[in-house]
Amino acid sequence: MSHVHKSFLCPVADIIDPENAMRTDFDPQAMAELMDSMQRTGLLQPILIKKHGDKFEVIAGHRRLTAARKLGWELINTIVIDAQSVDAELMKVHENLIRENVHILDEALYLQQLKTSKNLTNEQVASLIHRSRSYVETRINCLVYPPELLEALKANEINITVAEQLARILDEKLRIHYLRHAVESGASGVIVKQWADSCTMLDETPASDNNSEEKSTIVPHVDNAIMECAVCNTKHDFTKTRVVRICFGCCNEMNLHG
């Protein structure tokens, strides 16, 4: 159980980063916006901290603490929590997974660290964060994906479902080939699963010594999805289309939905 003490202004210099931080870095634009908001309106919600030796450790509000440091604040409004380690992790999960946008690779690293440091199973981690076991396993597993998939995930060029399917393609050249198409076309997880299924069937096809080299150079044919152009409403093979990022306001102006 955790006990809440009254809030007080704590010296920023007395607060250390969380021992098991969920974020490895912060989006520069989001941080700039947060700093601007805090500079104009102050800190609307105190950060949560707990005693850590002669210092305090931030439990919830790591972004706000970082912004306060960048702004040169000497004091920050805090609430001290007398929390057991599991209670502190639950607060951290609520702060990061529910209230704020956390990059999936940061989330994966955090879940792996949580699992290792607390000696938990995937099922116990899932129960702790109120998610399914498959949710936890999908994220932890992505940490061992090939470098090109991790880079695409980090750059938000593909989502975790697409990465999971591409990771099934064992042939590096084929995997990079389909990764490029996925990034360029914005292929969904369903489409990429078709590619991976096709490659898996190819891998399982017996090959003689005479045609083993030929087999490794084959790029499987996959029926491509047909997508409708949002501008002219004509239908095209999805490889002949491109993903364009448009804000909600412009979507409304152009009567685009979906």
C-alpha atoms as a PDB file:
ATOM      1  CA  MET A   1       0.000   0.000   0.000  1.00  0.00           C
ATOM      2  CA  SER A   2       1.059   3.611  -0.530  1.00  0.00           C
ATOM      3  CA  HIS A   3       0.488   6.640   1.671  1.00  0.00           C
ATOM      4  CA  VAL A   4       0.265  10.180   0.327  1.00  0.00           C
ATOM      5  CA  HIS A   5       1.819  13.108   2.185  1.00  0.00           C
ATOM      6  CA  LYS A   6       0.911  16.737   1.621  1.00  0.00           C
ATOM      7  CA  SER A   7       2.469  18.493  -1.323  1.00  0.00           C
ATOM      8  CA  PHE A   8       5.453  20.769  -0.919  1.00  0.00           C
ATOM      9  CA  LEU A   9       7.888  22.757  -3.018  1.00  0.00           C
ATOM     10  CA  CYS A  10      10.920  20.535  -3.444  1.00  0.00           C
ATOM     11  CA  PRO A  11      14.295  21.708  -4.760  1.00  0.00           C
ATOM     12  CA  VAL A  12      14.675  20.400  -8.310  1.00  0.00           C
ATOM     13  CA  ALA A  13      18.295  19.525  -7.527  1.00  0.00           C
ATOM     14  CA  ASP A  14      17.102  17.091  -4.842  1.00  0.00           C
ATOM     15  CA  ILE A  15      15.086  14.970  -7.294  1.00  0.00           C
ATOM     16  CA  ILE A  16      16.727  12.190  -9.285  1.00  0.00           C
ATOM     17  CA  ASP A  17      15.462  10.449 -12.409  1.00  0.00           C
ATOM     18  CA  PRO A  18      13.463   7.224 -12.002  1.00  0.00           C
ATOM     19  CA  GLU A  19      15.593   4.125 -11.444  1.00  0.00           C
ATOM     20  CA  ASN A  20      13.692   2.286 -14.172  1.00  0.00           C
ATOM     21  CA  ALA A  21      12.761   5.071 -16.596  1.00  0.00           C
ATOM     22  CA  MET A  22      10.153   4.267 -19.216  1.00  0.00           C
ATOM     23  CA  ARG A  23      11.472   6.898 -21.630  1.00  0.00           C
ATOM     24  CA  THR A  24      14.963   6.824 -23.110  1.00  0.00           C
ATOM     25  CA  ASP A  25      14.482  10.248 -24.691  1.00  0.00           C
ATOM     26  CA  PHE A  26      11.845  12.911 -25.197  1.00  0.00           C
ATOM     27  CA  ASP A  27      10.392  14.261 -28.417  1.00  0.00           C
ATOM     28  CA  PRO A  28      11.999  17.728 -28.832  1.00  0.00           C
ATOM     29  CA  GLN A  29       8.839  19.380 -30.173  1.00  0.00           C
ATOM     30  CA  ALA A  30       6.635  17.912 -27.433  1.00  0.00           C
ATOM     31  CA  MET A  31       9.176  18.975 -24.812  1.00  0.00           C
ATOM     32  CA  ALA A  32       9.278  22.518 -26.224  1.00  0.00           C
ATOM     33  CA  GLU A  33       5.469  22.694 -26.082  1.00  0.00           C
ATOM     34  CA  LEU A  34       5.461  21.425 -22.495  1.00  0.00           C
ATOM     35  CA  MET A  35       8.093  23.972 -21.469  1.00  0.00           C
ATOM     36  CA  ASP A  36       6.094  26.759 -23.096  1.00  0.00           C
ATOM     37  CA  SER A  37       2.943  25.658 -21.267  1.00  0.00           C
ATOM     38  CA  MET A  38       4.732  25.431 -17.909  1.00  0.00           C
ATOM     39  CA  GLN A  39       6.343  28.825 -18.443  1.00  0.00           C
ATOM     40  CA  ARG A  40       2.985  30.433 -19.169  1.00  0.00           C
ATOM     41  CA  THR A  41       0.705  28.658 -16.692  1.00  0.00           C
ATOM     42  CA  GLY A  42       3.058  27.038 -14.202  1.00  0.00           C
ATOM     43  CA  LEU A  43       2.853  23.408 -13.127  1.00  0.00           C
ATOM     44  CA  LEU A  44      -0.841  22.488 -13.086  1.00  0.00           C
ATOM     45  CA  GLN A  45      -0.312  19.086 -11.454  1.00  0.00           C
ATOM     46  CA  PRO A  46       2.390  18.222  -8.899  1.00  0.00           C
ATOM     47  CA  ILE A  47       4.833  15.461  -9.751  1.00  0.00           C
ATOM     48  CA  LEU A  48       4.915  12.349  -7.560  1.00  0.00           C
ATOM     49  CA  ILE A  49       8.157  11.514  -5.772  1.00  0.00           C
ATOM     50  CA  LYS A  50       9.356   9.057  -3.165  1.00  0.00           C
ATOM     51  CA  LYS A  51      12.241   9.162  -0.699  1.00  0.00           C
ATOM     52  CA  HIS A  52      15.515   7.768  -2.067  1.00  0.00           C
ATOM     53  CA  GLY A  53      18.321   8.066   0.469  1.00  0.00           C
ATOM     54  CA  ASP A  54      18.944  11.763   1.061  1.00  0.00           C
ATOM     55  CA  LYS A  55      17.247  12.586  -2.260  1.00  0.00           C
ATOM     56  CA  PHE A  56      13.877  11.986  -3.873  1.00  0.00           C
ATOM     57  CA  GLU A  57      13.114   9.808  -6.915  1.00  0.00           C
ATOM     58  CA  VAL A  58      10.468  10.905  -9.382  1.00  0.00           C
ATOM     59  CA  ILE A  59       7.685   8.346  -9.754  1.00  0.00           C
ATOM     60  CA  ALA A  60       5.239  10.179 -12.015  1.00  0.00           C
ATOM     61  CA  GLY A  61       6.083  13.358 -13.891  1.00  0.00           C
ATOM     62  CA  HIS A  62       9.498  12.640 -15.392  1.00  0.00           C
ATOM     63  CA  ARG A  63       8.719  14.819 -18.436  1.00  0.00           C
ATOM     64  CA  ARG A  64       7.561  17.701 -16.269  1.00  0.00           C
ATOM     65  CA  LEU A  65      10.687  17.399 -14.101  1.00  0.00           C
ATOM     66  CA  THR A  66      12.889  17.442 -17.213  1.00  0.00           C
ATOM     67  CA  ALA A  67      11.055  20.520 -18.504  1.00  0.00           C
ATOM     68  CA  ALA A  68      11.504  22.247 -15.127  1.00  0.00           C
ATOM     69  CA  ARG A  69      15.240  21.548 -15.263  1.00  0.00           C
ATOM     70  CA  LYS A  70      15.492  22.963 -18.783  1.00  0.00           C
ATOM     71  CA  LEU A  71      13.569  26.059 -17.660  1.00  0.00           C
ATOM     72  CA  GLY A  72      16.011  26.551 -14.793  1.00  0.00           C
ATOM     73  CA  TRP A  73      13.409  26.170 -12.046  1.00  0.00           C
ATOM     74  CA  GLU A  74      14.897  25.830  -8.578  1.00  0.00           C
ATOM     75  CA  LEU A  75      11.707  24.527  -6.951  1.00  0.00           C
ATOM     76  CA  ILE A  76       8.872  22.312  -8.202  1.00  0.00           C
ATOM     77  CA  ASN A  77       5.553  21.376  -6.642  1.00  0.00           C
ATOM     78  CA  THR A  78       5.593  17.727  -5.542  1.00  0.00           C
ATOM     79  CA  ILE A  79       3.645  15.118  -3.637  1.00  0.00           C
ATOM     80  CA  VAL A  80       5.691  12.616  -1.626  1.00  0.00           C
ATOM     81  CA  ILE A  81       4.476   9.039  -1.845  1.00  0.00           C
ATOM     82  CA  ASP A  82       5.462   6.429   0.740  1.00  0.00           C
ATOM     83  CA  ALA A  83       5.191   3.583  -1.751  1.00  0.00           C
ATOM     84  CA  GLN A  84       6.373   0.022  -2.008  1.00  0.00           C
ATOM     85  CA  SER A  85       8.278  -0.791  -5.211  1.00  0.00           C
ATOM     86  CA  VAL A  86       5.279  -2.428  -6.909  1.00  0.00           C
ATOM     87  CA  ASP A  87       3.026   0.516  -6.017  1.00  0.00           C
ATOM     88  CA  ALA A  88       5.602   2.884  -7.481  1.00  0.00           C
ATOM     89  CA  GLU A  89       5.740   0.875 -10.714  1.00  0.00           C
ATOM     90  CA  LEU A  90       1.945   0.947 -10.974  1.00  0.00           C
ATOM     91  CA  MET A  91       1.984   4.739 -10.658  1.00  0.00           C
ATOM     92  CA  LYS A  92       4.701   4.952 -13.305  1.00  0.00           C
ATOM     93  CA  VAL A  93       2.698   2.726 -15.647  1.00  0.00           C
ATOM     94  CA  HIS A  94      -0.418   4.854 -15.177  1.00  0.00           C
ATOM     95  CA  GLU A  95       1.534   8.056 -15.820  1.00  0.00           C
ATOM     96  CA  ASN A  96       3.258   6.819 -18.968  1.00  0.00           C
ATOM     97  CA  LEU A  97       1.099   4.189 -20.648  1.00  0.00           C
ATOM     98  CA  ILE A  98      -2.289   5.712 -19.927  1.00  0.00           C
ATOM     99  CA  ARG A  99      -1.794   9.463 -19.625  1.00  0.00           C
ATOM    100  CA  GLU A 100       1.068  10.089 -22.025  1.00  0.00           C
ATOM    101  CA  ASN A 101       2.291   8.898 -25.401  1.00  0.00           C
ATOM    102  CA  VAL A 102       5.239   6.546 -24.979  1.00  0.00           C
ATOM    103  CA  HIS A 103       7.188   5.270 -27.976  1.00  0.00           C
ATOM    104  CA  ILE A 104       6.723   1.538 -28.365  1.00  0.00           C
ATOM    105  CA  LEU A 105      10.461   0.813 -28.125  1.00  0.00           C
ATOM    106  CA  ASP A 106      10.688   2.747 -24.855  1.00  0.00           C
ATOM    107  CA  GLU A 107       7.689   0.801 -23.616  1.00  0.00           C
ATOM    108  CA  ALA A 108       9.307  -2.480 -24.677  1.00  0.00           C
ATOM    109  CA  LEU A 109      12.558  -1.653 -22.868  1.00  0.00           C
ATOM    110  CA  TYR A 110      10.649  -0.669 -19.749  1.00  0.00           C
ATOM    111  CA  LEU A 111       8.602  -3.879 -19.717  1.00  0.00           C
ATOM    112  CA  GLN A 112      11.743  -5.973 -20.197  1.00  0.00           C
ATOM    113  CA  GLN A 113      13.510  -4.133 -17.362  1.00  0.00           C
ATOM    114  CA  LEU A 114      10.443  -4.483 -15.150  1.00  0.00           C
ATOM    115  CA  LYS A 115      10.279  -8.203 -15.883  1.00  0.00           C
ATOM    116  CA  THR A 116      13.983  -8.703 -15.129  1.00  0.00           C
ATOM    117  CA  SER A 117      14.289  -6.458 -12.067  1.00  0.00           C
ATOM    118  CA  LYS A 118      11.186  -7.877 -10.354  1.00  0.00           C
ATOM    119  CA  ASN A 119      11.780 -11.446 -11.601  1.00  0.00           C
ATOM    120  CA  LEU A 120       8.328 -11.594 -13.182  1.00  0.00           C
ATOM    121  CA  THR A 121       6.835 -13.738 -15.923  1.00  0.00           C
ATOM    122  CA  ASN A 122       5.196 -12.156 -18.960  1.00  0.00           C
ATOM    123  CA  GLU A 123       1.831 -13.058 -17.476  1.00  0.00           C
ATOM    124  CA  GLN A 124       2.673 -11.324 -14.182  1.00  0.00           C
ATOM    125  CA  VAL A 125       3.842  -8.202 -16.029  1.00  0.00           C
ATOM    126  CA  ALA A 126       0.589  -8.220 -18.028  1.00  0.00           C
ATOM    127  CA  SER A 127      -1.425  -8.469 -14.821  1.00  0.00           C
ATOM    128  CA  LEU A 128       0.564  -5.629 -13.254  1.00  0.00           C
ATOM    129  CA  ILE A 129      -0.064  -3.214 -16.130  1.00  0.00           C
ATOM    130  CA  HIS A 130      -3.595  -4.470 -16.880  1.00  0.00           C
ATOM    131  CA  ARG A 131      -2.789  -5.652 -20.384  1.00  0.00           C
ATOM    132  CA  SER A 132      -2.945  -9.060 -22.080  1.00  0.00           C
ATOM    133  CA  ARG A 133       0.014 -11.428 -22.093  1.00  0.00           C
ATOM    134  CA  SER A 134       0.227 -11.176 -25.894  1.00  0.00           C
ATOM    135  CA  TYR A 135       0.465  -7.369 -25.551  1.00  0.00           C
ATOM    136  CA  VAL A 136       3.504  -7.762 -23.295  1.00  0.00           C
ATOM    137  CA  GLU A 137       5.114 -10.523 -25.363  1.00  0.00           C
ATOM    138  CA  THR A 138       4.730  -8.604 -28.634  1.00  0.00           C
ATOM    139  CA  ARG A 139       6.569  -5.629 -27.182  1.00  0.00           C
ATOM    140  CA  ILE A 140       9.315  -7.548 -25.407  1.00  0.00           C
ATOM    141  CA  ASN A 141       9.912  -9.696 -28.501  1.00  0.00           C
ATOM    142  CA  CYS A 142      10.428  -6.632 -30.707  1.00  0.00           C
ATOM    143  CA  LEU A 143      13.657  -5.843 -28.842  1.00  0.00           C
ATOM    144  CA  VAL A 144      15.403  -8.683 -30.693  1.00  0.00           C
ATOM    145  CA  TYR A 145      14.107  -7.769 -34.149  1.00  0.00           C
ATOM    146  CA  PRO A 146      16.688  -7.151 -36.913  1.00  0.00           C
ATOM    147  CA  PRO A 147      18.271  -3.662 -36.852  1.00  0.00           C
ATOM    148  CA  GLU A 148      16.425  -2.398 -39.946  1.00  0.00           C
ATOM    149  CA  LEU A 149      13.060  -3.156 -38.317  1.00  0.00           C
ATOM    150  CA  LEU A 150      14.071  -1.443 -35.070  1.00  0.00           C
ATOM    151  CA  GLU A 151      15.194   1.619 -37.025  1.00  0.00           C
ATOM    152  CA  ALA A 152      11.889   1.739 -38.917  1.00  0.00           C
ATOM    153  CA  LEU A 153       9.966   1.381 -35.661  1.00  0.00           C
ATOM    154  CA  LYS A 154      12.010   4.115 -34.008  1.00  0.00           C
ATOM    155  CA  ALA A 155      11.339   6.443 -36.940  1.00  0.00           C
ATOM    156  CA  ASN A 156       7.600   5.582 -36.783  1.00  0.00           C
ATOM    157  CA  GLU A 157       7.756   4.371 -40.389  1.00  0.00           C
ATOM    158  CA  ILE A 158       5.993   1.109 -39.482  1.00  0.00           C
ATOM    159  CA  ASN A 159       3.875  -0.028 -36.567  1.00  0.00           C
ATOM    160  CA  ILE A 160       4.466  -2.974 -34.245  1.00  0.00           C
ATOM    161  CA  THR A 161       2.060  -5.270 -36.138  1.00  0.00           C
ATOM    162  CA  VAL A 162       3.894  -4.718 -39.421  1.00  0.00           C
ATOM    163  CA  ALA A 163       7.258  -5.192 -37.711  1.00  0.00           C
ATOM    164  CA  GLU A 164       6.072  -8.433 -36.117  1.00  0.00           C
ATOM    165  CA  GLN A 165       5.096  -9.858 -39.501  1.00  0.00           C
ATOM    166  CA  LEU A 166       8.272  -8.673 -41.263  1.00  0.00           C
ATOM    167  CA  ALA A 167      10.353 -10.319 -38.512  1.00  0.00           C
ATOM    168  CA  ARG A 168       8.954 -13.665 -39.669  1.00  0.00           C
ATOM    169  CA  ILE A 169      10.790 -13.262 -42.981  1.00  0.00           C
ATOM    170  CA  LEU A 170      14.151 -14.893 -42.276  1.00  0.00           C
ATOM    171  CA  ASP A 171      15.848 -14.028 -45.556  1.00  0.00           C
ATOM    172  CA  GLU A 172      17.475 -10.625 -44.991  1.00  0.00           C
ATOM    173  CA  LYS A 173      17.196  -9.455 -48.619  1.00  0.00           C
ATOM    174  CA  LEU A 174      13.523 -10.380 -48.802  1.00  0.00           C
ATOM    175  CA  ARG A 175      12.833  -8.765 -45.447  1.00  0.00           C
ATOM    176  CA  ILE A 176      14.467  -5.482 -46.485  1.00  0.00           C
ATOM    177  CA  HIS A 177      12.656  -5.663 -49.838  1.00  0.00           C
ATOM    178  CA  TYR A 178       9.258  -5.919 -48.150  1.00  0.00           C
ATOM    179  CA  LEU A 179      10.185  -3.413 -45.458  1.00  0.00           C
ATOM    180  CA  ARG A 180      10.872  -0.843 -48.176  1.00  0.00           C
ATOM    181  CA  HIS A 181       7.504  -1.549 -49.794  1.00  0.00           C
ATOM    182  CA  ALA A 182       5.749  -1.378 -46.415  1.00  0.00           C
ATOM    183  CA  VAL A 183       7.267   2.019 -45.641  1.00  0.00           C
ATOM    184  CA  GLU A 184       6.598   3.451 -49.113  1.00  0.00           C
ATOM    185  CA  SER A 185       3.041   2.178 -49.431  1.00  0.00           C
ATOM    186  CA  GLY A 186       1.868   2.204 -45.823  1.00  0.00           C
ATOM    187  CA  ALA A 187       0.893  -1.471 -46.091  1.00  0.00           C
ATOM    188  CA  SER A 188      -1.272  -2.749 -43.251  1.00  0.00           C
ATOM    189  CA  GLY A 189      -0.408  -5.643 -40.963  1.00  0.00           C
ATOM    190  CA  VAL A 190      -2.870  -7.808 -42.890  1.00  0.00           C
ATOM    191  CA  ILE A 191      -1.074  -7.222 -46.187  1.00  0.00           C
ATOM    192  CA  VAL A 192       2.374  -7.731 -44.677  1.00  0.00           C
ATOM    193  CA  LYS A 193       1.162 -10.976 -43.104  1.00  0.00           C
ATOM    194  CA  GLN A 194       0.374 -12.211 -46.624  1.00  0.00           C
ATOM    195  CA  TRP A 195       3.935 -11.415 -47.652  1.00  0.00           C
ATOM    196  CA  ALA A 196       5.357 -13.194 -44.604  1.00  0.00           C
ATOM    197  CA  ASP A 197       3.096 -16.216 -45.165  1.00  0.00           C
ATOM    198  CA  SER A 198       4.307 -16.433 -48.762  1.00  0.00           C
ATOM    199  CA  CYS A 199       7.952 -16.256 -47.690  1.00  0.00           C
ATOM    200  CA  THR A 200       7.359 -18.860 -44.985  1.00  0.00           C
ATOM    201  CA  MET A 201       5.868 -21.259 -47.538  1.00  0.00           C
ATOM    202  CA  LEU A 202       8.883 -20.666 -49.763  1.00  0.00           C
ATOM    203  CA  ASP A 203      11.243 -21.469 -46.877  1.00  0.00           C
ATOM    204  CA  GLU A 204       9.376 -24.709 -46.202  1.00  0.00           C
ATOM    205  CA  THR A 205       9.551 -25.869 -49.848  1.00  0.00           C
ATOM    206  CA  PRO A 206      12.206 -28.621 -50.219  1.00  0.00           C
ATOM    207  CA  ALA A 207      15.083 -27.551 -52.444  1.00  0.00           C
ATOM    208  CA  SER A 208      17.586 -29.705 -54.274  1.00  0.00           C
ATOM    209  CA  ASP A 209      21.261 -28.784 -54.386  1.00  0.00           C
ATOM    210  CA  ASN A 210      20.824 -27.695 -58.016  1.00  0.00           C
ATOM    211  CA  ASN A 211      18.153 -25.093 -57.378  1.00  0.00           C
ATOM    212  CA  SER A 212      18.998 -23.925 -53.835  1.00  0.00           C
ATOM    213  CA  GLU A 213      20.817 -20.828 -55.121  1.00  0.00           C
ATOM    214  CA  GLU A 214      17.976 -20.012 -57.505  1.00  0.00           C
ATOM    215  CA  LYS A 215      15.432 -20.373 -54.725  1.00  0.00           C
ATOM    216  CA  SER A 216      17.224 -17.840 -52.537  1.00  0.00           C
ATOM    217  CA  THR A 217      16.862 -15.170 -55.248  1.00  0.00           C
ATOM    218  CA  ILE A 218      13.114 -15.626 -55.763  1.00  0.00           C
ATOM    219  CA  VAL A 219      10.883 -12.826 -54.534  1.00  0.00           C
ATOM    220  CA  PRO A 220       7.463 -14.403 -53.878  1.00  0.00           C
ATOM    221  CA  HIS A 221       4.494 -12.916 -55.683  1.00  0.00           C
ATOM    222  CA  VAL A 222       1.841 -11.630 -53.343  1.00  0.00           C
ATOM    223  CA  ASP A 223      -1.577 -10.430 -54.411  1.00  0.00           C
ATOM    224  CA  ASN A 224      -1.511  -6.716 -53.682  1.00  0.00           C
ATOM    225  CA  ALA A 225      -4.330  -4.829 -52.066  1.00  0.00           C
ATOM    226  CA  ILE A 226      -6.408  -2.399 -54.091  1.00  0.00           C
ATOM    227  CA  MET A 227      -6.691   1.047 -52.560  1.00  0.00           C
ATOM    228  CA  GLU A 228      -8.880   3.975 -53.538  1.00  0.00           C
ATOM    229  CA  CYS A 229      -7.248   7.304 -54.250  1.00  0.00           C
ATOM    230  CA  ALA A 230      -8.545   9.898 -51.793  1.00  0.00           C
ATOM    231  CA  VAL A 231      -8.363  12.627 -54.439  1.00  0.00           C
ATOM    232  CA  CYS A 232      -9.769  11.123 -57.667  1.00  0.00           C
ATOM    233  CA  ASN A 233     -11.506   8.070 -56.119  1.00  0.00           C
ATOM    234  CA  THR A 234     -10.021   5.693 -58.692  1.00  0.00           C
ATOM    235  CA  LYS A 235      -8.732   2.296 -57.567  1.00  0.00           C
ATOM    236  CA  HIS A 236      -5.070   1.309 -57.809  1.00  0.00           C
ATOM    237  CA  ASP A 237      -2.653  -1.417 -56.758  1.00  0.00           C
ATOM    238  CA  PHE A 238      -1.466  -0.227 -53.344  1.00  0.00           C
ATOM    239  CA  THR A 239       2.176  -0.285 -54.546  1.00  0.00           C
ATOM    240  CA  LYS A 240       1.190   2.522 -56.936  1.00  0.00           C
ATOM    241  CA  THR A 241       0.002   4.720 -54.080  1.00  0.00           C
ATOM    242  CA  ARG A 242       1.822   6.732 -51.442  1.00  0.00           C
ATOM    243  CA  VAL A 243       1.145   7.627 -47.805  1.00  0.00           C
ATOM    244  CA  VAL A 244       0.682  11.360 -47.217  1.00  0.00           C
ATOM    245  CA  ARG A 245       0.432  12.793 -43.697  1.00  0.00           C
ATOM    246  CA  ILE A 246      -2.474  15.258 -43.447  1.00  0.00           C
ATOM    247  CA  CYS A 247      -3.748  16.979 -40.305  1.00  0.00           C
ATOM    248  CA  PHE A 248      -7.363  16.510 -39.205  1.00  0.00           C
ATOM    249  CA  GLY A 249      -8.260  20.075 -40.211  1.00  0.00           C
ATOM    250  CA  CYS A 250      -7.135  19.583 -43.811  1.00  0.00           C
ATOM    251  CA  CYS A 251      -8.844  16.174 -43.886  1.00  0.00           C
ATOM    252  CA  ASN A 252     -12.116  17.880 -42.998  1.00  0.00           C
ATOM    253  CA  GLU A 253     -11.553  20.569 -45.631  1.00  0.00           C
ATOM    254  CA  MET A 254     -10.911  17.888 -48.282  1.00  0.00           C
ATOM    255  CA  ASN A 255     -13.710  15.689 -46.940  1.00  0.00           C
ATOM    256  CA  LEU A 256     -11.244  12.860 -46.241  1.00  0.00           C
ATOM    257  CA  HIS A 257     -12.105  10.343 -43.571  1.00  0.00           C
ATOM    258  CA  GLY A 258     -10.632   7.099 -42.266  1.00  0.00           C
END
